[in-house]
mmCIF file of all heavy atoms, coordinates in Angstrom:
data_MODEL
# 
_entry.id   MODEL 
# 
loop_
_atom_site.group_PDB 
_atom_site.id 
_atom_site.type_symbol 
_atom_site.label_atom_id 
_atom_site.label_alt_id 
_atom_site.label_comp_id 
_atom_site.label_asym_id 
_atom_site.label_entity_id 
_atom_site.label_seq_id 
_atom_site.pdbx_PDB_ins_code 
_atom_site.Cartn_x 
_atom_site.Cartn_y 
_atom_site.Cartn_z 
_atom_site.occupancy 
_atom_site.B_iso_or_equiv 
_atom_site.pdbx_formal_charge 
_atom_site.auth_seq_id 
_atom_site.auth_comp_id 
_atom_site.auth_asym_id 
_atom_site.auth_atom_id 
_atom_site.pdbx_PDB_model_num 
ATOM 1   N N   . VAL A 1 1  ? 159.340 155.092 90.434  1.00 0.00 ? 1  VAL A N   1 
ATOM 2   C CA  . VAL A 1 1  ? 158.642 155.474 91.661  1.00 0.00 ? 1  VAL A CA  1 
ATOM 3   C C   . VAL A 1 1  ? 157.360 154.664 91.815  1.00 0.00 ? 1  VAL A C   1 
ATOM 4   O O   . VAL A 1 1  ? 156.862 154.082 90.862  1.00 0.00 ? 1  VAL A O   1 
ATOM 5   C CB  . VAL A 1 1  ? 158.290 156.984 91.656  1.00 0.00 ? 1  VAL A CB  1 
ATOM 6   C CG1 . VAL A 1 1  ? 159.547 157.826 91.719  1.00 0.00 ? 1  VAL A CG1 1 
ATOM 7   C CG2 . VAL A 1 1  ? 157.455 157.345 90.449  1.00 0.00 ? 1  VAL A CG2 1 
ATOM 8   N N   . CYS A 1 2  ? 156.840 154.662 93.042  1.00 0.00 ? 2  CYS A N   1 
ATOM 9   C CA  . CYS A 1 2  ? 155.618 153.908 93.345  1.00 0.00 ? 2  CYS A CA  1 
ATOM 10  C C   . CYS A 1 2  ? 154.366 154.749 93.149  1.00 0.00 ? 2  CYS A C   1 
ATOM 11  O O   . CYS A 1 2  ? 153.324 154.457 93.734  1.00 0.00 ? 2  CYS A O   1 
ATOM 12  C CB  . CYS A 1 2  ? 155.680 153.396 94.786  1.00 0.00 ? 2  CYS A CB  1 
ATOM 13  S SG  . CYS A 1 2  ? 156.947 152.149 95.047  1.00 0.00 ? 2  CYS A SG  1 
ATOM 14  N N   . GLY A 1 3  ? 154.464 155.787 92.342  1.00 0.00 ? 3  GLY A N   1 
ATOM 15  C CA  . GLY A 1 3  ? 153.310 156.631 92.051  1.00 0.00 ? 3  GLY A CA  1 
ATOM 16  C C   . GLY A 1 3  ? 153.406 157.982 92.733  1.00 0.00 ? 3  GLY A C   1 
ATOM 17  O O   . GLY A 1 3  ? 154.220 158.199 93.630  1.00 0.00 ? 3  GLY A O   1 
ATOM 18  N N   . GLU A 1 4  ? 152.558 158.899 92.280  1.00 0.00 ? 4  GLU A N   1 
ATOM 19  C CA  . GLU A 1 4  ? 152.492 160.243 92.846  1.00 0.00 ? 4  GLU A CA  1 
ATOM 20  C C   . GLU A 1 4  ? 151.039 160.580 93.156  1.00 0.00 ? 4  GLU A C   1 
ATOM 21  O O   . GLU A 1 4  ? 150.111 160.100 92.495  1.00 0.00 ? 4  GLU A O   1 
ATOM 22  C CB  . GLU A 1 4  ? 153.043 161.282 91.861  1.00 0.00 ? 4  GLU A CB  1 
ATOM 23  C CG  . GLU A 1 4  ? 154.544 161.219 91.641  1.00 0.00 ? 4  GLU A CG  1 
ATOM 24  C CD  . GLU A 1 4  ? 155.345 161.883 92.749  1.00 0.00 ? 4  GLU A CD  1 
ATOM 25  O OE1 . GLU A 1 4  ? 154.794 162.772 93.440  1.00 0.00 ? 4  GLU A OE1 1 
ATOM 26  O OE2 . GLU A 1 4  ? 156.519 161.516 92.925  1.00 0.00 ? 4  GLU A OE2 1 
ATOM 27  N N   . LYS A 1 5  ? 150.861 161.415 94.153  1.00 0.00 ? 5  LYS A N   1 
ATOM 28  C CA  . LYS A 1 5  ? 149.538 161.913 94.502  1.00 0.00 ? 5  LYS A CA  1 
ATOM 29  C C   . LYS A 1 5  ? 149.529 163.432 94.321  1.00 0.00 ? 5  LYS A C   1 
ATOM 30  O O   . LYS A 1 5  ? 150.358 164.133 94.919  1.00 0.00 ? 5  LYS A O   1 
ATOM 31  C CB  . LYS A 1 5  ? 149.192 161.557 95.954  1.00 0.00 ? 5  LYS A CB  1 
ATOM 32  C CG  . LYS A 1 5  ? 147.854 162.107 96.422  1.00 0.00 ? 5  LYS A CG  1 
ATOM 33  C CD  . LYS A 1 5  ? 147.629 161.747 97.887  1.00 0.00 ? 5  LYS A CD  1 
ATOM 34  C CE  . LYS A 1 5  ? 146.342 162.369 98.405  1.00 0.00 ? 5  LYS A CE  1 
ATOM 35  N NZ  . LYS A 1 5  ? 146.130 162.058 99.844  1.00 0.00 ? 5  LYS A NZ  1 
ATOM 36  N N   . ILE A 1 6  ? 148.622 163.929 93.490  1.00 0.00 ? 6  ILE A N   1 
ATOM 37  C CA  . ILE A 1 6  ? 148.494 165.361 93.257  1.00 0.00 ? 6  ILE A CA  1 
ATOM 38  C C   . ILE A 1 6  ? 147.178 165.822 93.871  1.00 0.00 ? 6  ILE A C   1 
ATOM 39  O O   . ILE A 1 6  ? 146.122 165.242 93.593  1.00 0.00 ? 6  ILE A O   1 
ATOM 40  C CB  . ILE A 1 6  ? 148.499 165.703 91.752  1.00 0.00 ? 6  ILE A CB  1 
ATOM 41  C CG1 . ILE A 1 6  ? 149.665 165.009 91.045  1.00 0.00 ? 6  ILE A CG1 1 
ATOM 42  C CG2 . ILE A 1 6  ? 148.551 167.215 91.553  1.00 0.00 ? 6  ILE A CG2 1 
ATOM 43  C CD1 . ILE A 1 6  ? 151.024 165.448 91.488  1.00 0.00 ? 6  ILE A CD1 1 
ATOM 44  N N   . THR A 1 7  ? 147.238 166.846 94.706  1.00 0.00 ? 7  THR A N   1 
ATOM 45  C CA  . THR A 1 7  ? 146.042 167.373 95.364  1.00 0.00 ? 7  THR A CA  1 
ATOM 46  C C   . THR A 1 7  ? 145.800 168.817 94.937  1.00 0.00 ? 7  THR A C   1 
ATOM 47  O O   . THR A 1 7  ? 146.698 169.650 95.008  1.00 0.00 ? 7  THR A O   1 
ATOM 48  C CB  . THR A 1 7  ? 146.177 167.317 96.898  1.00 0.00 ? 7  THR A CB  1 
ATOM 49  O OG1 . THR A 1 7  ? 146.439 165.969 97.300  1.00 0.00 ? 7  THR A OG1 1 
ATOM 50  C CG2 . THR A 1 7  ? 144.903 167.792 97.572  1.00 0.00 ? 7  THR A CG2 1 
ATOM 51  N N   . TYR A 1 8  ? 144.579 169.085 94.474  1.00 0.00 ? 8  TYR A N   1 
ATOM 52  C CA  . TYR A 1 8  ? 144.140 170.441 94.138  1.00 0.00 ? 8  TYR A CA  1 
ATOM 53  C C   . TYR A 1 8  ? 143.257 170.944 95.283  1.00 0.00 ? 8  TYR A C   1 
ATOM 54  O O   . TYR A 1 8  ? 142.359 170.239 95.722  1.00 0.00 ? 8  TYR A O   1 
ATOM 55  C CB  . TYR A 1 8  ? 143.290 170.477 92.874  1.00 0.00 ? 8  TYR A CB  1 
ATOM 56  C CG  . TYR A 1 8  ? 143.905 169.967 91.602  1.00 0.00 ? 8  TYR A CG  1 
ATOM 57  C CD1 . TYR A 1 8  ? 144.264 168.633 91.442  1.00 0.00 ? 8  TYR A CD1 1 
ATOM 58  C CD2 . TYR A 1 8  ? 144.070 170.819 90.508  1.00 0.00 ? 8  TYR A CD2 1 
ATOM 59  C CE1 . TYR A 1 8  ? 144.787 168.158 90.248  1.00 0.00 ? 8  TYR A CE1 1 
ATOM 60  C CE2 . TYR A 1 8  ? 144.586 170.362 89.299  1.00 0.00 ? 8  TYR A CE2 1 
ATOM 61  C CZ  . TYR A 1 8  ? 144.938 169.034 89.180  1.00 0.00 ? 8  TYR A CZ  1 
ATOM 62  O OH  . TYR A 1 8  ? 145.445 168.558 87.985  1.00 0.00 ? 8  TYR A OH  1 
ATOM 63  N N   . ARG A 1 9  ? 143.472 172.177 95.695  1.00 0.00 ? 9  ARG A N   1 
ATOM 64  C CA  . ARG A 1 9  ? 142.580 172.828 96.659  1.00 0.00 ? 9  ARG A CA  1 
ATOM 65  C C   . ARG A 1 9  ? 142.147 174.169 96.076  1.00 0.00 ? 9  ARG A C   1 
ATOM 66  O O   . ARG A 1 9  ? 142.979 175.034 95.822  1.00 0.00 ? 9  ARG A O   1 
ATOM 67  C CB  . ARG A 1 9  ? 143.266 173.013 98.012  1.00 0.00 ? 9  ARG A CB  1 
ATOM 68  C CG  . ARG A 1 9  ? 143.468 171.698 98.762  1.00 0.00 ? 9  ARG A CG  1 
ATOM 69  C CD  . ARG A 1 9  ? 144.026 171.909 100.166 1.00 0.00 ? 9  ARG A CD  1 
ATOM 70  N NE  . ARG A 1 9  ? 144.030 170.672 100.923 1.00 0.00 ? 9  ARG A NE  1 
ATOM 71  C CZ  . ARG A 1 9  ? 144.991 169.766 100.884 1.00 0.00 ? 9  ARG A CZ  1 
ATOM 72  N NH1 . ARG A 1 9  ? 146.037 169.962 100.111 1.00 0.00 ? 9  ARG A NH1 1 
ATOM 73  N NH2 . ARG A 1 9  ? 144.909 168.663 101.605 1.00 0.00 ? 9  ARG A NH2 1 
ATOM 74  N N   . LEU A 1 10 ? 140.849 174.316 95.864  1.00 0.00 ? 10 LEU A N   1 
ATOM 75  C CA  . LEU A 1 10 ? 140.316 175.515 95.233  1.00 0.00 ? 10 LEU A CA  1 
ATOM 76  C C   . LEU A 1 10 ? 139.672 176.422 96.277  1.00 0.00 ? 10 LEU A C   1 
ATOM 77  O O   . LEU A 1 10 ? 139.005 175.958 97.204  1.00 0.00 ? 10 LEU A O   1 
ATOM 78  C CB  . LEU A 1 10 ? 139.262 175.157 94.179  1.00 0.00 ? 10 LEU A CB  1 
ATOM 79  C CG  . LEU A 1 10 ? 139.764 174.527 92.874  1.00 0.00 ? 10 LEU A CG  1 
ATOM 80  C CD1 . LEU A 1 10 ? 140.107 173.054 93.048  1.00 0.00 ? 10 LEU A CD1 1 
ATOM 81  C CD2 . LEU A 1 10 ? 138.717 174.680 91.774  1.00 0.00 ? 10 LEU A CD2 1 
ATOM 82  N N   . LYS A 1 11 ? 139.882 177.728 96.075  1.00 0.00 ? 11 LYS A N   1 
ATOM 83  C CA  . LYS A 1 11 ? 139.289 178.723 96.963  1.00 0.00 ? 11 LYS A CA  1 
ATOM 84  C C   . LYS A 1 11 ? 138.805 179.900 96.133  1.00 0.00 ? 11 LYS A C   1 
ATOM 85  O O   . LYS A 1 11 ? 139.592 180.509 95.404  1.00 0.00 ? 11 LYS A O   1 
ATOM 86  C CB  . LYS A 1 11 ? 140.316 179.197 98.001  1.00 0.00 ? 11 LYS A CB  1 
ATOM 87  C CG  . LYS A 1 11 ? 139.778 180.232 98.970  1.00 0.00 ? 11 LYS A CG  1 
ATOM 88  C CD  . LYS A 1 11 ? 140.857 180.658 99.949  1.00 0.00 ? 11 LYS A CD  1 
ATOM 89  C CE  . LYS A 1 11 ? 140.336 181.722 100.909 1.00 0.00 ? 11 LYS A CE  1 
ATOM 90  N NZ  . LYS A 1 11 ? 141.412 182.181 101.838 1.00 0.00 ? 11 LYS A NZ  1 
ATOM 91  N N   . GLU A 1 12 ? 137.525 180.210 96.228  1.00 0.00 ? 12 GLU A N   1 
ATOM 92  C CA  . GLU A 1 12 ? 136.959 181.334 95.476  1.00 0.00 ? 12 GLU A CA  1 
ATOM 93  C C   . GLU A 1 12 ? 137.458 182.644 96.060  1.00 0.00 ? 12 GLU A C   1 
ATOM 94  O O   . GLU A 1 12 ? 137.326 182.900 97.260  1.00 0.00 ? 12 GLU A O   1 
ATOM 95  C CB  . GLU A 1 12 ? 135.430 181.285 95.522  1.00 0.00 ? 12 GLU A CB  1 
ATOM 96  C CG  . GLU A 1 12 ? 134.775 182.362 94.673  1.00 0.00 ? 12 GLU A CG  1 
ATOM 97  C CD  . GLU A 1 12 ? 133.261 182.254 94.645  1.00 0.00 ? 12 GLU A CD  1 
ATOM 98  O OE1 . GLU A 1 12 ? 132.703 181.625 95.582  1.00 0.00 ? 12 GLU A OE1 1 
ATOM 99  O OE2 . GLU A 1 12 ? 132.646 182.781 93.716  1.00 0.00 ? 12 GLU A OE2 1 
ATOM 100 N N   . MET A 1 13 ? 138.046 183.481 95.213  1.00 0.00 ? 13 MET A N   1 
ATOM 101 C CA  . MET A 1 13 ? 138.555 184.781 95.647  1.00 0.00 ? 13 MET A CA  1 
ATOM 102 C C   . MET A 1 13 ? 137.530 185.875 95.351  1.00 0.00 ? 13 MET A C   1 
ATOM 103 O O   . MET A 1 13 ? 137.162 186.652 96.219  1.00 0.00 ? 13 MET A O   1 
ATOM 104 C CB  . MET A 1 13 ? 139.877 185.090 94.951  1.00 0.00 ? 13 MET A CB  1 
ATOM 105 C CG  . MET A 1 13 ? 140.971 184.070 95.255  1.00 0.00 ? 13 MET A CG  1 
ATOM 106 S SD  . MET A 1 13 ? 142.493 184.388 94.328  1.00 0.00 ? 13 MET A SD  1 
ATOM 107 C CE  . MET A 1 13 ? 143.023 185.936 95.063  1.00 0.00 ? 13 MET A CE  1 
ATOM 108 N N   . THR A 1 14 ? 137.081 185.946 94.094  1.00 0.00 ? 14 THR A N   1 
ATOM 109 C CA  . THR A 1 14 ? 136.012 186.851 93.690  1.00 0.00 ? 14 THR A CA  1 
ATOM 110 C C   . THR A 1 14 ? 135.073 186.064 92.782  1.00 0.00 ? 14 THR A C   1 
ATOM 111 O O   . THR A 1 14 ? 135.297 184.878 92.535  1.00 0.00 ? 14 THR A O   1 
ATOM 112 C CB  . THR A 1 14 ? 136.566 188.075 92.926  1.00 0.00 ? 14 THR A CB  1 
ATOM 113 O OG1 . THR A 1 14 ? 137.119 187.639 91.669  1.00 0.00 ? 14 THR A OG1 1 
ATOM 114 C CG2 . THR A 1 14 ? 137.649 188.775 93.736  1.00 0.00 ? 14 THR A CG2 1 
ATOM 115 N N   . ALA A 1 15 ? 134.065 186.756 92.246  1.00 0.00 ? 15 ALA A N   1 
ATOM 116 C CA  . ALA A 1 15 ? 133.130 186.072 91.354  1.00 0.00 ? 15 ALA A CA  1 
ATOM 117 C C   . ALA A 1 15 ? 133.808 185.558 90.094  1.00 0.00 ? 15 ALA A C   1 
ATOM 118 O O   . ALA A 1 15 ? 133.332 184.610 89.472  1.00 0.00 ? 15 ALA A O   1 
ATOM 119 C CB  . ALA A 1 15 ? 131.989 187.016 90.981  1.00 0.00 ? 15 ALA A CB  1 
ATOM 120 N N   . GLY A 1 16 ? 134.939 186.169 89.719  1.00 0.00 ? 16 GLY A N   1 
ATOM 121 C CA  . GLY A 1 16 ? 135.606 185.780 88.480  1.00 0.00 ? 16 GLY A CA  1 
ATOM 122 C C   . GLY A 1 16 ? 137.017 185.265 88.650  1.00 0.00 ? 16 GLY A C   1 
ATOM 123 O O   . GLY A 1 16 ? 137.717 185.040 87.660  1.00 0.00 ? 16 GLY A O   1 
ATOM 124 N N   . THR A 1 17 ? 137.470 185.047 89.870  1.00 0.00 ? 17 THR A N   1 
ATOM 125 C CA  . THR A 1 17 ? 138.825 184.524 90.100  1.00 0.00 ? 17 THR A CA  1 
ATOM 126 C C   . THR A 1 17 ? 138.805 183.438 91.173  1.00 0.00 ? 17 THR A C   1 
ATOM 127 O O   . THR A 1 17 ? 138.080 183.551 92.168  1.00 0.00 ? 17 THR A O   1 
ATOM 128 C CB  . THR A 1 17 ? 139.810 185.632 90.533  1.00 0.00 ? 17 THR A CB  1 
ATOM 129 O OG1 . THR A 1 17 ? 139.300 186.286 91.706  1.00 0.00 ? 17 THR A OG1 1 
ATOM 130 C CG2 . THR A 1 17 ? 140.025 186.645 89.426  1.00 0.00 ? 17 THR A CG2 1 
ATOM 131 N N   . THR A 1 18 ? 139.597 182.405 90.966  1.00 0.00 ? 18 THR A N   1 
ATOM 132 C CA  . THR A 1 18 ? 139.681 181.278 91.898  1.00 0.00 ? 18 THR A CA  1 
ATOM 133 C C   . THR A 1 18 ? 141.136 180.921 92.140  1.00 0.00 ? 18 THR A C   1 
ATOM 134 O O   . THR A 1 18 ? 141.919 180.790 91.196  1.00 0.00 ? 18 THR A O   1 
ATOM 135 C CB  . THR A 1 18 ? 138.948 180.043 91.333  1.00 0.00 ? 18 THR A CB  1 
ATOM 136 O OG1 . THR A 1 18 ? 137.601 180.405 91.002  1.00 0.00 ? 18 THR A OG1 1 
ATOM 137 C CG2 . THR A 1 18 ? 138.939 178.903 92.336  1.00 0.00 ? 18 THR A CG2 1 
ATOM 138 N N   . GLU A 1 19 ? 141.519 180.786 93.400  1.00 0.00 ? 19 GLU A N   1 
ATOM 139 C CA  . GLU A 1 19 ? 142.887 180.402 93.752  1.00 0.00 ? 19 GLU A CA  1 
ATOM 140 C C   . GLU A 1 19 ? 143.005 178.876 93.739  1.00 0.00 ? 19 GLU A C   1 
ATOM 141 O O   . GLU A 1 19 ? 142.137 178.172 94.265  1.00 0.00 ? 19 GLU A O   1 
ATOM 142 C CB  . GLU A 1 19 ? 143.266 180.933 95.129  1.00 0.00 ? 19 GLU A CB  1 
ATOM 143 C CG  . GLU A 1 19 ? 144.712 180.609 95.518  1.00 0.00 ? 19 GLU A CG  1 
ATOM 144 C CD  . GLU A 1 19 ? 145.075 181.102 96.902  1.00 0.00 ? 19 GLU A CD  1 
ATOM 145 O OE1 . GLU A 1 19 ? 144.210 181.002 97.809  1.00 0.00 ? 19 GLU A OE1 1 
ATOM 146 O OE2 . GLU A 1 19 ? 146.193 181.581 97.083  1.00 0.00 ? 19 GLU A OE2 1 
ATOM 147 N N   . ILE A 1 20 ? 144.085 178.390 93.135  1.00 0.00 ? 20 ILE A N   1 
ATOM 148 C CA  . ILE A 1 20 ? 144.339 176.949 93.074  1.00 0.00 ? 20 ILE A CA  1 
ATOM 149 C C   . ILE A 1 20 ? 145.643 176.647 93.804  1.00 0.00 ? 20 ILE A C   1 
ATOM 150 O O   . ILE A 1 20 ? 146.691 177.185 93.455  1.00 0.00 ? 20 ILE A O   1 
ATOM 151 C CB  . ILE A 1 20 ? 144.467 176.452 91.616  1.00 0.00 ? 20 ILE A CB  1 
ATOM 152 C CG1 . ILE A 1 20 ? 143.368 177.029 90.718  1.00 0.00 ? 20 ILE A CG1 1 
ATOM 153 C CG2 . ILE A 1 20 ? 144.485 174.926 91.584  1.00 0.00 ? 20 ILE A CG2 1 
ATOM 154 C CD1 . ILE A 1 20 ? 141.984 176.590 91.055  1.00 0.00 ? 20 ILE A CD1 1 
ATOM 155 N N   . GLU A 1 21 ? 145.569 175.800 94.815  1.00 0.00 ? 21 GLU A N   1 
ATOM 156 C CA  . GLU A 1 21 ? 146.774 175.324 95.498  1.00 0.00 ? 21 GLU A CA  1 
ATOM 157 C C   . GLU A 1 21 ? 147.039 173.893 95.050  1.00 0.00 ? 21 GLU A C   1 
ATOM 158 O O   . GLU A 1 21 ? 146.172 173.037 95.158  1.00 0.00 ? 21 GLU A O   1 
ATOM 159 C CB  . GLU A 1 21 ? 146.601 175.375 97.012  1.00 0.00 ? 21 GLU A CB  1 
ATOM 160 C CG  . GLU A 1 21 ? 147.841 174.900 97.768  1.00 0.00 ? 21 GLU A CG  1 
ATOM 161 C CD  . GLU A 1 21 ? 147.621 174.802 99.262  1.00 0.00 ? 21 GLU A CD  1 
ATOM 162 O OE1 . GLU A 1 21 ? 147.788 175.817 99.948  1.00 0.00 ? 21 GLU A OE1 1 
ATOM 163 O OE2 . GLU A 1 21 ? 147.261 173.693 99.734  1.00 0.00 ? 21 GLU A OE2 1 
ATOM 164 N N   . LEU A 1 22 ? 148.232 173.652 94.546  1.00 0.00 ? 22 LEU A N   1 
ATOM 165 C CA  . LEU A 1 22 ? 148.625 172.325 94.074  1.00 0.00 ? 22 LEU A CA  1 
ATOM 166 C C   . LEU A 1 22 ? 149.694 171.750 94.993  1.00 0.00 ? 22 LEU A C   1 
ATOM 167 O O   . LEU A 1 22 ? 150.657 172.446 95.342  1.00 0.00 ? 22 LEU A O   1 
ATOM 168 C CB  . LEU A 1 22 ? 149.181 172.403 92.653  1.00 0.00 ? 22 LEU A CB  1 
ATOM 169 C CG  . LEU A 1 22 ? 148.194 172.672 91.517  1.00 0.00 ? 22 LEU A CG  1 
ATOM 170 C CD1 . LEU A 1 22 ? 148.956 173.027 90.252  1.00 0.00 ? 22 LEU A CD1 1 
ATOM 171 C CD2 . LEU A 1 22 ? 147.299 171.478 91.285  1.00 0.00 ? 22 LEU A CD2 1 
ATOM 172 N N   . GLN A 1 23 ? 149.530 170.494 95.356  1.00 0.00 ? 23 GLN A N   1 
ATOM 173 C CA  . GLN A 1 23 ? 150.534 169.798 96.160  1.00 0.00 ? 23 GLN A CA  1 
ATOM 174 C C   . GLN A 1 23 ? 150.779 168.422 95.564  1.00 0.00 ? 23 GLN A C   1 
ATOM 175 O O   . GLN A 1 23 ? 149.841 167.772 95.104  1.00 0.00 ? 23 GLN A O   1 
ATOM 176 C CB  . GLN A 1 23 ? 150.073 169.663 97.614  1.00 0.00 ? 23 GLN A CB  1 
ATOM 177 C CG  . GLN A 1 23 ? 150.020 170.968 98.376  1.00 0.00 ? 23 GLN A CG  1 
ATOM 178 C CD  . GLN A 1 23 ? 149.630 170.776 99.833  1.00 0.00 ? 23 GLN A CD  1 
ATOM 179 O OE1 . GLN A 1 23 ? 148.847 169.885 100.167 1.00 0.00 ? 23 GLN A OE1 1 
ATOM 180 N NE2 . GLN A 1 23 ? 150.165 171.596 100.708 1.00 0.00 ? 23 GLN A NE2 1 
ATOM 181 N N   . SER A 1 24 ? 152.036 168.012 95.577  1.00 0.00 ? 24 SER A N   1 
ATOM 182 C CA  . SER A 1 24 ? 152.369 166.665 95.117  1.00 0.00 ? 24 SER A CA  1 
ATOM 183 C C   . SER A 1 24 ? 153.201 165.961 96.177  1.00 0.00 ? 24 SER A C   1 
ATOM 184 O O   . SER A 1 24 ? 153.974 166.597 96.900  1.00 0.00 ? 24 SER A O   1 
ATOM 185 C CB  . SER A 1 24 ? 153.151 166.721 93.794  1.00 0.00 ? 24 SER A CB  1 
ATOM 186 O OG  . SER A 1 24 ? 154.483 167.134 94.014  1.00 0.00 ? 24 SER A OG  1 
ATOM 187 N N   . ALA A 1 25 ? 153.025 164.657 96.251  1.00 0.00 ? 25 ALA A N   1 
ATOM 188 C CA  . ALA A 1 25 ? 153.795 163.834 97.192  1.00 0.00 ? 25 ALA A CA  1 
ATOM 189 C C   . ALA A 1 25 ? 153.881 162.426 96.632  1.00 0.00 ? 25 ALA A C   1 
ATOM 190 O O   . ALA A 1 25 ? 152.958 161.961 95.965  1.00 0.00 ? 25 ALA A O   1 
ATOM 191 C CB  . ALA A 1 25 ? 153.128 163.819 98.562  1.00 0.00 ? 25 ALA A CB  1 
# 
């Protein structure tokens, strides 16, 4: 393959938890 791109998107849910969205293309 000609490479992959991985994108992380972080969103704070509470003071002690964070949501992570991962996407690859």
